[in-house]
């Protein structure tokens, strides 16, 4: 469901939107797509931060395990 809202944008932003949206999209569609992409990026960054925290919490154990695996490799 869509709801109508009102926002105020700078003239240069409106010009950029109009230039890039083309004939097939109106401003609302363009702005909605841009916001969806930005929100998806924020969600991905949040997930990456969580993943990095998990890796960092387990870094010592993972490094020991990796060193153990590498010790079994034969180097010609």
N, C-alpha and C. Protein backbone atom coordinates (compact mmCIF):
# COMPACT_ATOMS: atom_id res chain seq x y z
N UNK A 1 0.84 -1.17 0.00
CA UNK A 1 0.00 0.00 0.00
C UNK A 1 0.89 1.24 0.00
N UNK A 2 0.56 2.18 -0.80
CA UNK A 2 1.32 3.42 -0.87
C UNK A 2 0.56 4.52 -0.15
N UNK A 3 1.33 5.40 0.47
CA UNK A 3 0.76 6.55 1.15
C UNK A 3 1.40 7.80 0.60
N UNK A 4 0.62 8.80 0.45
CA UNK A 4 1.12 10.07 -0.07
C UNK A 4 1.83 10.83 1.04
N UNK A 5 2.97 11.41 0.68
CA UNK A 5 3.73 12.23 1.61
C UNK A 5 4.32 13.41 0.85
N UNK A 6 4.79 14.37 1.56
CA UNK A 6 5.37 15.54 0.93
C UNK A 6 6.79 15.73 1.46
N UNK A 7 7.73 15.96 0.55
CA UNK A 7 9.11 16.23 0.94
C UNK A 7 9.60 17.46 0.18
N UNK A 8 10.61 18.08 0.70
CA UNK A 8 11.22 19.23 0.06
C UNK A 8 12.63 18.86 -0.35
N UNK A 9 12.93 19.05 -1.63
CA UNK A 9 14.24 18.71 -2.16
C UNK A 9 14.88 19.93 -2.81
N UNK A 10 16.19 19.93 -2.82
CA UNK A 10 16.93 21.01 -3.48
C UNK A 10 16.70 20.94 -4.99
N UNK A 11 16.78 22.09 -5.62
CA UNK A 11 16.56 22.18 -7.06
C UNK A 11 17.53 21.30 -7.84
N UNK A 12 18.80 21.26 -7.40
CA UNK A 12 19.79 20.45 -8.12
C UNK A 12 19.47 18.96 -8.01
N UNK A 13 18.89 18.54 -6.89
CA UNK A 13 18.49 17.14 -6.75
C UNK A 13 17.33 16.83 -7.69
N UNK A 14 16.37 17.73 -7.75
CA UNK A 14 15.24 17.52 -8.66
C UNK A 14 15.69 17.45 -10.11
N UNK A 15 16.64 18.31 -10.47
CA UNK A 15 17.16 18.29 -11.84
C UNK A 15 17.86 16.96 -12.13
N UNK A 16 18.63 16.47 -11.16
CA UNK A 16 19.33 15.19 -11.34
C UNK A 16 18.33 14.05 -11.46
N UNK A 17 17.29 14.08 -10.66
CA UNK A 17 16.24 13.05 -10.74
C UNK A 17 15.58 13.08 -12.11
N UNK A 18 15.19 14.27 -12.53
CA UNK A 18 14.51 14.41 -13.83
C UNK A 18 15.41 13.95 -14.97
N UNK A 19 16.69 14.27 -14.89
CA UNK A 19 17.64 13.89 -15.94
C UNK A 19 17.80 12.37 -16.02
N UNK A 20 17.79 11.71 -14.88
CA UNK A 20 18.08 10.27 -14.84
C UNK A 20 16.84 9.38 -14.84
N UNK A 21 15.70 9.94 -14.54
CA UNK A 21 14.51 9.09 -14.46
C UNK A 21 13.92 8.78 -15.83
N UNK A 22 14.17 9.59 -16.80
CA UNK A 22 13.68 9.33 -18.14
C UNK A 22 12.17 9.43 -18.24
N UNK A 23 11.65 9.05 -19.39
CA UNK A 23 10.22 9.15 -19.64
C UNK A 23 9.42 8.05 -18.95
N UNK A 24 10.07 6.94 -18.63
CA UNK A 24 9.33 5.79 -18.13
C UNK A 24 9.02 5.87 -16.64
N UNK A 25 9.69 6.74 -15.91
CA UNK A 25 9.47 6.82 -14.47
C UNK A 25 9.10 8.24 -14.06
N UNK A 26 8.28 8.32 -13.05
CA UNK A 26 8.03 9.64 -12.49
C UNK A 26 8.95 9.84 -11.29
N UNK A 27 8.95 11.01 -10.74
CA UNK A 27 9.84 11.31 -9.61
C UNK A 27 9.60 10.37 -8.44
N UNK A 28 8.35 10.12 -8.13
CA UNK A 28 8.03 9.26 -6.99
C UNK A 28 8.64 7.87 -7.15
N UNK A 29 8.49 7.29 -8.34
CA UNK A 29 9.05 5.96 -8.59
C UNK A 29 10.58 5.98 -8.46
N UNK A 30 11.19 7.02 -9.01
CA UNK A 30 12.64 7.13 -8.96
C UNK A 30 13.12 7.24 -7.51
N UNK A 31 12.48 8.12 -6.74
CA UNK A 31 12.87 8.33 -5.34
C UNK A 31 12.62 7.06 -4.53
N UNK A 32 11.51 6.38 -4.76
CA UNK A 32 11.23 5.14 -4.04
C UNK A 32 12.29 4.09 -4.34
N UNK A 33 12.67 3.97 -5.60
CA UNK A 33 13.72 3.01 -5.97
C UNK A 33 15.05 3.35 -5.32
N UNK A 34 15.37 4.63 -5.30
CA UNK A 34 16.63 5.07 -4.68
C UNK A 34 16.63 4.80 -3.18
N UNK A 35 15.52 5.05 -2.54
CA UNK A 35 15.44 4.82 -1.09
C UNK A 35 15.50 3.32 -0.79
N UNK A 36 14.82 2.51 -1.60
CA UNK A 36 14.88 1.06 -1.40
C UNK A 36 16.32 0.55 -1.53
N UNK A 37 17.04 1.06 -2.54
CA UNK A 37 18.43 0.65 -2.73
C UNK A 37 19.29 1.09 -1.55
N UNK A 38 19.06 2.28 -1.05
CA UNK A 38 19.84 2.79 0.08
C UNK A 38 19.55 1.98 1.34
N UNK A 39 18.30 1.67 1.58
CA UNK A 39 17.93 0.86 2.75
C UNK A 39 18.54 -0.53 2.64
N UNK A 40 18.52 -1.12 1.45
CA UNK A 40 19.14 -2.44 1.25
C UNK A 40 20.63 -2.37 1.55
N UNK A 41 21.28 -1.28 1.15
CA UNK A 41 22.71 -1.09 1.43
C UNK A 41 22.94 -0.98 2.93
N UNK A 42 22.09 -0.24 3.64
CA UNK A 42 22.23 -0.11 5.08
C UNK A 42 22.06 -1.46 5.78
N UNK A 43 21.08 -2.23 5.34
CA UNK A 43 20.84 -3.56 5.91
C UNK A 43 22.05 -4.45 5.69
N UNK A 44 22.62 -4.41 4.48
CA UNK A 44 23.81 -5.22 4.17
C UNK A 44 24.99 -4.80 5.03
N UNK A 45 25.17 -3.49 5.23
CA UNK A 45 26.26 -3.01 6.07
C UNK A 45 26.08 -3.45 7.51
N UNK A 46 24.82 -3.44 8.00
CA UNK A 46 24.56 -3.91 9.36
C UNK A 46 24.89 -5.39 9.49
N UNK A 47 24.51 -6.18 8.50
CA UNK A 47 24.80 -7.61 8.53
C UNK A 47 26.30 -7.86 8.45
N UNK A 48 27.00 -7.09 7.62
CA UNK A 48 28.45 -7.22 7.52
C UNK A 48 29.12 -6.91 8.85
N UNK A 49 28.63 -5.88 9.55
CA UNK A 49 29.19 -5.53 10.86
C UNK A 49 28.96 -6.64 11.87
N UNK A 50 27.77 -7.25 11.84
CA UNK A 50 27.49 -8.38 12.74
C UNK A 50 28.41 -9.56 12.43
N UNK A 51 28.56 -9.85 11.13
CA UNK A 51 29.43 -10.96 10.72
C UNK A 51 30.87 -10.71 11.14
N UNK A 52 31.34 -9.48 10.96
CA UNK A 52 32.71 -9.14 11.34
C UNK A 52 32.90 -9.28 12.85
N UNK A 53 31.91 -8.88 13.62
CA UNK A 53 32.00 -9.02 15.07
C UNK A 53 32.11 -10.49 15.46
N UNK A 54 31.35 -11.35 14.79
CA UNK A 54 31.42 -12.79 15.07
C UNK A 54 32.80 -13.34 14.71
N UNK A 55 33.31 -12.94 13.56
CA UNK A 55 34.64 -13.39 13.14
C UNK A 55 35.70 -12.91 14.13
N UNK A 56 35.60 -11.65 14.54
CA UNK A 56 36.58 -11.11 15.49
C UNK A 56 36.52 -11.82 16.83
N UNK A 57 35.32 -12.19 17.27
CA UNK A 57 35.17 -12.91 18.54
C UNK A 57 35.84 -14.28 18.47
N UNK A 58 35.90 -14.84 17.29
CA UNK A 58 36.44 -16.19 17.12
C UNK A 58 37.79 -16.20 16.41
N UNK A 59 38.40 -15.04 16.26
CA UNK A 59 39.63 -14.92 15.45
C UNK A 59 40.76 -15.79 15.98
N UNK A 60 40.99 -15.77 17.27
CA UNK A 60 42.10 -16.56 17.82
C UNK A 60 41.91 -18.05 17.52
N UNK A 61 40.72 -18.56 17.79
CA UNK A 61 40.44 -19.97 17.54
C UNK A 61 40.57 -20.29 16.05
N UNK A 62 40.05 -19.42 15.20
CA UNK A 62 40.11 -19.65 13.75
C UNK A 62 41.55 -19.62 13.24
N UNK A 63 42.34 -18.72 13.78
CA UNK A 63 43.75 -18.63 13.36
C UNK A 63 44.53 -19.87 13.78
N UNK A 64 44.26 -20.38 14.97
CA UNK A 64 44.92 -21.62 15.43
C UNK A 64 44.52 -22.78 14.54
N UNK A 65 43.24 -22.83 14.21
CA UNK A 65 42.74 -23.91 13.34
C UNK A 65 43.37 -23.82 11.95
N UNK A 66 43.47 -22.61 11.41
CA UNK A 66 44.08 -22.42 10.09
C UNK A 66 45.55 -22.82 10.11
N UNK A 67 46.26 -22.44 11.15
CA UNK A 67 47.67 -22.81 11.26
C UNK A 67 47.84 -24.32 11.33
N UNK A 68 46.93 -24.97 12.03
CA UNK A 68 46.97 -26.43 12.13
C UNK A 68 46.77 -27.08 10.77
N UNK A 69 45.82 -26.58 10.01
CA UNK A 69 45.56 -27.11 8.66
C UNK A 69 46.77 -26.88 7.76
N UNK A 70 47.35 -25.69 7.84
CA UNK A 70 48.51 -25.38 7.00
C UNK A 70 49.72 -26.26 7.35
N UNK A 71 49.82 -26.67 8.59
CA UNK A 71 50.93 -27.52 9.01
C UNK A 71 50.90 -28.88 8.34
N UNK A 72 49.73 -29.31 7.89
CA UNK A 72 49.60 -30.62 7.24
C UNK A 72 49.86 -30.56 5.73
N UNK A 73 49.98 -29.37 5.19
CA UNK A 73 50.22 -29.24 3.75
C UNK A 73 51.67 -29.54 3.43
N UNK A 74 51.85 -30.25 2.33
CA UNK A 74 53.20 -30.58 1.88
C UNK A 74 53.64 -29.53 0.87
N UNK A 75 54.79 -28.95 1.12
CA UNK A 75 55.34 -27.94 0.20
C UNK A 75 56.47 -28.61 -0.56
N UNK A 76 56.37 -28.64 -1.91
CA UNK A 76 57.40 -29.33 -2.71
C UNK A 76 58.73 -28.62 -2.69
